């Protein structure tokens, strides 16, 4: 039956997307035709690869670590459950920027010092050079920090997906003689994946935005290049227009992909 309510059709139309597209078209026209905007875009766009590289690698590592934490949180071992819960609560309770500074200026030097102690026999014999904090690039410190911060949130997504699987199916798989790993691989994982993919996509969009925090460490991403350029010629309005445009282009594109994935999975569930 067709929807005859015109108000509903008006609500369903993505006016917000049309508005953003018009604003983006105006800014894109300025980038193409205005010499100042064109120069800013040329400089700032060099940080796109760094932004995507940091976000994608950190999200991949966070997903792996989050899955391990989620498996520990849903295990039958009390020690693992308590340790995973402690990790999640501590990491989620610390602001990402604070964690970024802590890992970059406290955790990284501590890891280098611990590595020198563990490898001291090899270093003393001249078989390995002594590790230096200068060898620990700030980009990798930022990736490590984002990995730890997001792994706690992703672990809860994985846990929700695992616990959403009907317990009867798990018991039936074990009754058929499947091992714990085979039960997870053939029964739990395929069903949980359908549940967790949309929120994982939303978390990746958030990772793209939060990757701007790595500019606080001097990593040459979009935000850092915009900050350096605007501080040298005082074109703050134009520069941050371009910075916002680049972030919006990436995040809105990913958000639309996530929404399309949600609709596709919803149709396949019927």
Protein backbone atom coordinates (compact mmCIF):
# COMPACT_ATOMS: atom_id res chain seq x y z
CA UNK A 1 0.00 0.00 0.00
CA UNK A 2 1.47 3.35 -1.02
CA UNK A 3 2.13 6.05 1.53
CA UNK A 4 -0.27 8.92 0.86
CA UNK A 5 1.00 11.09 3.70
CA UNK A 6 3.03 13.94 2.12
CA UNK A 7 4.48 14.95 5.50
CA UNK A 8 6.10 11.56 5.87
CA UNK A 9 7.67 11.84 2.42
CA UNK A 10 9.05 15.22 3.38
CA UNK A 11 10.58 13.81 6.56
CA UNK A 12 12.10 10.88 4.68
CA UNK A 13 13.81 13.16 2.15
CA UNK A 14 17.43 13.81 3.29
CA UNK A 15 17.27 17.60 3.35
CA UNK A 16 20.35 17.68 5.61
CA UNK A 17 22.35 15.85 2.96
CA UNK A 18 21.15 18.22 0.24
CA UNK A 19 22.16 21.23 2.37
CA UNK A 20 25.62 19.80 3.01
CA UNK A 21 26.00 18.95 -0.69
CA UNK A 22 25.17 22.53 -1.67
CA UNK A 23 27.64 23.95 0.85
CA UNK A 24 30.26 21.48 -0.35
CA UNK A 25 29.61 22.45 -3.97
CA UNK A 26 30.13 26.14 -3.11
CA UNK A 27 33.38 25.39 -1.30
CA UNK A 28 34.54 23.09 -4.10
CA UNK A 29 33.87 25.88 -6.60
CA UNK A 30 35.96 28.21 -4.46
CA UNK A 31 38.79 25.65 -4.29
CA UNK A 32 38.81 25.30 -8.08
CA UNK A 33 38.41 28.98 -8.99
CA UNK A 34 39.97 30.89 -6.09
CA UNK A 35 43.77 30.98 -5.99
CA UNK A 36 43.90 31.24 -2.19
CA UNK A 37 41.57 28.31 -1.58
CA UNK A 38 43.36 26.29 -4.27
CA UNK A 39 46.70 26.81 -2.54
CA UNK A 40 45.25 25.85 0.85
CA UNK A 41 43.68 22.70 -0.57
CA UNK A 42 46.96 21.71 -2.22
CA UNK A 43 48.82 22.01 1.09
CA UNK A 44 46.21 20.50 3.42
CA UNK A 45 45.21 17.61 1.15
CA UNK A 46 48.72 16.17 1.53
CA UNK A 47 47.61 14.98 4.97
CA UNK A 48 44.69 12.88 3.66
CA UNK A 49 46.83 9.76 3.30
CA UNK A 50 48.26 10.15 6.81
CA UNK A 51 44.77 10.60 8.26
CA UNK A 52 43.42 7.52 6.47
CA UNK A 53 46.53 5.46 7.22
CA UNK A 54 46.43 6.22 10.96
CA UNK A 55 42.66 5.64 11.17
CA UNK A 56 42.58 2.40 9.17
CA UNK A 57 45.57 0.77 10.84
CA UNK A 58 44.48 1.81 14.33
CA UNK A 59 40.95 0.55 13.67
CA UNK A 60 42.22 -2.79 12.36
CA UNK A 61 44.46 -3.31 15.38
CA UNK A 62 41.71 -2.13 17.74
CA UNK A 63 39.29 -4.64 16.18
CA UNK A 64 41.72 -7.53 16.75
CA UNK A 65 42.45 -6.45 20.32
CA UNK A 66 38.77 -5.75 20.97
CA UNK A 67 37.81 -9.22 19.79
CA UNK A 68 40.31 -10.81 22.17
CA UNK A 69 39.02 -8.70 25.06
CA UNK A 70 35.41 -9.56 24.16
CA UNK A 71 36.22 -13.29 24.10
CA UNK A 72 37.82 -12.92 27.53
CA UNK A 73 34.79 -10.98 28.77
CA UNK A 74 32.38 -13.73 27.62
CA UNK A 75 34.52 -16.68 28.74
CA UNK A 76 33.78 -19.04 31.61
CA UNK A 77 36.97 -18.08 33.45
CA UNK A 78 36.31 -15.59 36.23
CA UNK A 79 39.87 -14.25 36.10
CA UNK A 80 39.59 -13.47 32.38
CA UNK A 81 36.18 -11.85 32.82
CA UNK A 82 37.41 -9.62 35.64
CA UNK A 83 40.62 -8.68 33.82
CA UNK A 84 38.73 -7.80 30.63
CA UNK A 85 36.14 -5.79 32.57
CA UNK A 86 38.89 -3.90 34.41
CA UNK A 87 40.62 -3.10 31.10
CA UNK A 88 37.41 -1.86 29.46
CA UNK A 89 36.36 0.34 32.36
CA UNK A 90 39.79 1.90 32.78
CA UNK A 91 40.34 2.64 29.09
CA UNK A 92 36.82 3.97 28.49
CA UNK A 93 37.12 6.25 31.53
CA UNK A 94 40.17 8.11 30.20
CA UNK A 95 39.77 10.87 27.55
CA UNK A 96 41.41 9.95 24.25
CA UNK A 97 43.62 13.06 24.27
CA UNK A 98 44.90 12.25 27.77
CA UNK A 99 45.58 8.64 26.73
CA UNK A 100 47.36 9.94 23.64
CA UNK A 101 49.72 12.09 25.71
CA UNK A 102 50.21 9.38 28.34
CA UNK A 103 51.15 6.70 25.83
CA UNK A 104 53.30 9.05 23.74
CA UNK A 105 55.32 10.54 26.60
CA UNK A 106 55.06 7.90 29.35
CA UNK A 107 54.18 4.57 27.80
CA UNK A 108 56.54 4.75 24.82
CA UNK A 109 59.66 5.64 26.88
CA UNK A 110 58.69 2.91 29.36
CA UNK A 111 58.41 0.35 26.56
CA UNK A 112 61.82 1.35 25.18
CA UNK A 113 63.39 1.08 28.63
CA UNK A 114 61.78 -2.32 29.23
CA UNK A 115 63.00 -3.50 25.82
CA UNK A 116 66.56 -2.46 26.66
CA UNK A 117 66.38 -4.41 29.92
CA UNK A 118 65.02 -7.55 28.25
CA UNK A 119 67.56 -7.38 25.43
CA UNK A 120 70.47 -6.32 27.64
CA UNK A 121 72.44 -9.58 27.11
CA UNK A 122 72.29 -9.12 23.33
CA UNK A 123 73.01 -5.39 23.58
CA UNK A 124 76.00 -5.87 25.93
CA UNK A 125 77.61 -8.30 23.47
CA UNK A 126 77.10 -5.87 20.61
CA UNK A 127 74.66 -8.13 18.79
CA UNK A 128 71.86 -5.54 18.92
CA UNK A 129 71.98 -1.74 19.14
CA UNK A 130 70.50 -0.10 22.20
CA UNK A 131 66.93 1.00 21.65
CA UNK A 132 66.26 4.74 21.64
CA UNK A 133 63.03 6.65 22.09
CA UNK A 134 63.92 8.51 18.90
CA UNK A 135 63.29 5.29 16.99
CA UNK A 136 59.67 5.24 18.23
CA UNK A 137 57.99 7.51 15.69
CA UNK A 138 55.16 9.76 16.90
CA UNK A 139 52.88 8.39 14.21
CA UNK A 140 53.20 4.88 15.67
CA UNK A 141 52.69 6.22 19.19
CA UNK A 142 49.45 7.82 17.99
CA UNK A 143 48.35 4.60 16.29
CA UNK A 144 49.09 2.63 19.45
CA UNK A 145 47.12 5.10 21.58
CA UNK A 146 44.06 5.05 19.28
CA UNK A 147 44.26 1.25 19.18
CA UNK A 148 44.09 0.96 22.95
CA UNK A 149 41.33 3.56 23.33
CA UNK A 150 39.04 2.16 20.64
CA UNK A 151 39.65 -1.49 21.52
CA UNK A 152 37.63 -1.05 24.72
CA UNK A 153 34.60 0.30 22.83
CA UNK A 154 34.91 -2.28 20.06
CA UNK A 155 35.17 -5.04 22.67
CA UNK A 156 31.73 -4.09 23.96
CA UNK A 157 30.35 -4.19 20.40
CA UNK A 158 31.77 -7.68 19.91
CA UNK A 159 30.45 -8.78 23.30
CA UNK A 160 26.95 -7.55 22.45
CA UNK A 161 27.07 -9.41 19.13
CA UNK A 162 28.26 -12.64 20.74
CA UNK A 163 25.66 -12.51 23.49
CA UNK A 164 22.91 -11.80 20.94
CA UNK A 165 23.35 -15.30 19.47
CA UNK A 166 20.71 -17.67 20.80
CA UNK A 167 22.16 -19.89 23.54
CA UNK A 168 20.18 -22.84 22.24
CA UNK A 169 22.17 -22.83 19.01
CA UNK A 170 25.44 -22.88 20.92
CA UNK A 171 24.24 -25.76 23.08
CA UNK A 172 23.07 -27.64 20.00
CA UNK A 173 26.46 -27.20 18.34
CA UNK A 174 28.24 -28.54 21.40
CA UNK A 175 25.79 -31.44 21.59
CA UNK A 176 26.78 -32.33 18.03
CA UNK A 177 30.39 -32.59 19.17
CA UNK A 178 31.76 -29.29 17.86
CA UNK A 179 34.69 -27.89 19.78
CA UNK A 180 34.59 -24.43 21.31
CA UNK A 181 36.57 -22.94 18.41
CA UNK A 182 34.43 -24.63 15.73
CA UNK A 183 31.27 -23.54 17.53
CA UNK A 184 32.49 -19.95 17.52
CA UNK A 185 33.63 -20.09 13.90
CA UNK A 186 30.61 -21.83 12.36
CA UNK A 187 27.73 -20.80 14.64
CA UNK A 188 28.51 -17.71 16.73
CA UNK A 189 30.74 -15.61 14.43
CA UNK A 190 28.51 -15.57 11.29
CA UNK A 191 25.45 -14.48 13.28
CA UNK A 192 27.32 -12.00 15.47
CA UNK A 193 28.92 -10.43 12.40
CA UNK A 194 25.53 -9.40 11.02
CA UNK A 195 24.77 -7.64 14.30
CA UNK A 196 28.08 -5.84 14.81
CA UNK A 197 28.89 -4.63 11.29
CA UNK A 198 26.76 -1.42 11.43
CA UNK A 199 28.10 -0.23 14.83
CA UNK A 200 31.63 -1.15 13.75
CA UNK A 201 31.15 1.06 10.69
CA UNK A 202 29.98 3.90 12.92
CA UNK A 203 33.06 3.44 15.11
CA UNK A 204 35.29 3.69 12.04
CA UNK A 205 33.64 7.00 11.14
CA UNK A 206 34.36 8.19 14.69
CA UNK A 207 37.95 6.99 14.33
CA UNK A 208 38.38 9.20 11.24
CA UNK A 209 37.25 12.22 13.27
CA UNK A 210 39.25 11.36 16.40
CA UNK A 211 42.39 10.84 14.32
CA UNK A 212 42.56 14.66 14.23
CA UNK A 213 43.79 14.45 17.83
CA UNK A 214 47.12 13.05 16.64
CA UNK A 215 47.96 16.56 15.41
CA UNK A 216 48.68 17.32 19.08
CA UNK A 217 51.78 15.12 18.65
CA UNK A 218 52.84 16.87 15.47
CA UNK A 219 51.75 14.07 13.14
CA UNK A 220 51.34 15.56 9.66
CA UNK A 221 47.66 14.82 9.15
CA UNK A 222 44.99 17.13 7.72
CA UNK A 223 44.51 19.04 10.97
CA UNK A 224 48.22 19.55 11.61
CA UNK A 225 48.92 20.79 8.09
CA UNK A 226 45.97 23.16 8.38
CA UNK A 227 47.21 24.40 11.73
CA UNK A 228 50.72 25.06 10.41
CA UNK A 229 49.48 26.76 7.24
CA UNK A 230 46.98 29.03 9.01
CA UNK A 231 49.49 30.07 11.67
CA UNK A 232 51.97 31.16 8.99
CA UNK A 233 49.61 33.38 6.95
CA UNK A 234 46.66 33.94 9.36
CA UNK A 235 44.08 32.62 6.88
CA UNK A 236 42.22 30.76 9.60
CA UNK A 237 38.74 31.07 8.08
CA UNK A 238 39.71 29.74 4.66
CA UNK A 239 42.04 27.04 6.00
CA UNK A 240 39.61 25.51 8.45
CA UNK A 241 36.85 25.67 5.85
CA UNK A 242 38.98 23.37 3.71
CA UNK A 243 39.90 21.16 6.70
CA UNK A 244 36.24 20.77 7.66
CA UNK A 245 35.32 20.09 4.01
CA UNK A 246 37.85 17.25 3.76
CA UNK A 247 36.70 15.63 7.02
CA UNK A 248 33.03 16.00 6.07
CA UNK A 249 33.67 14.43 2.69
CA UNK A 250 35.27 11.38 4.29
CA UNK A 251 32.86 10.95 7.18
CA UNK A 252 29.63 11.54 5.23
CA UNK A 253 30.76 9.14 2.50
CA UNK A 254 31.48 6.47 5.10
CA UNK A 255 28.22 7.19 6.94
CA UNK A 256 26.23 6.69 3.74
CA UNK A 257 28.05 3.40 3.14
CA UNK A 258 27.19 2.27 6.67
CA UNK A 259 23.52 3.19 6.19
CA UNK A 260 23.46 1.31 2.90
CA UNK A 261 24.98 -1.71 4.63
CA UNK A 262 22.34 -1.52 7.37
CA UNK A 263 19.52 -1.46 4.80
CA UNK A 264 21.09 -4.33 2.86
CA UNK A 265 21.43 -6.49 5.98
CA UNK A 266 17.90 -5.60 7.11
CA UNK A 267 16.50 -6.78 3.77
CA UNK A 268 18.43 -10.04 3.95
CA UNK A 269 17.10 -10.80 7.43
CA UNK A 270 13.53 -10.92 6.19
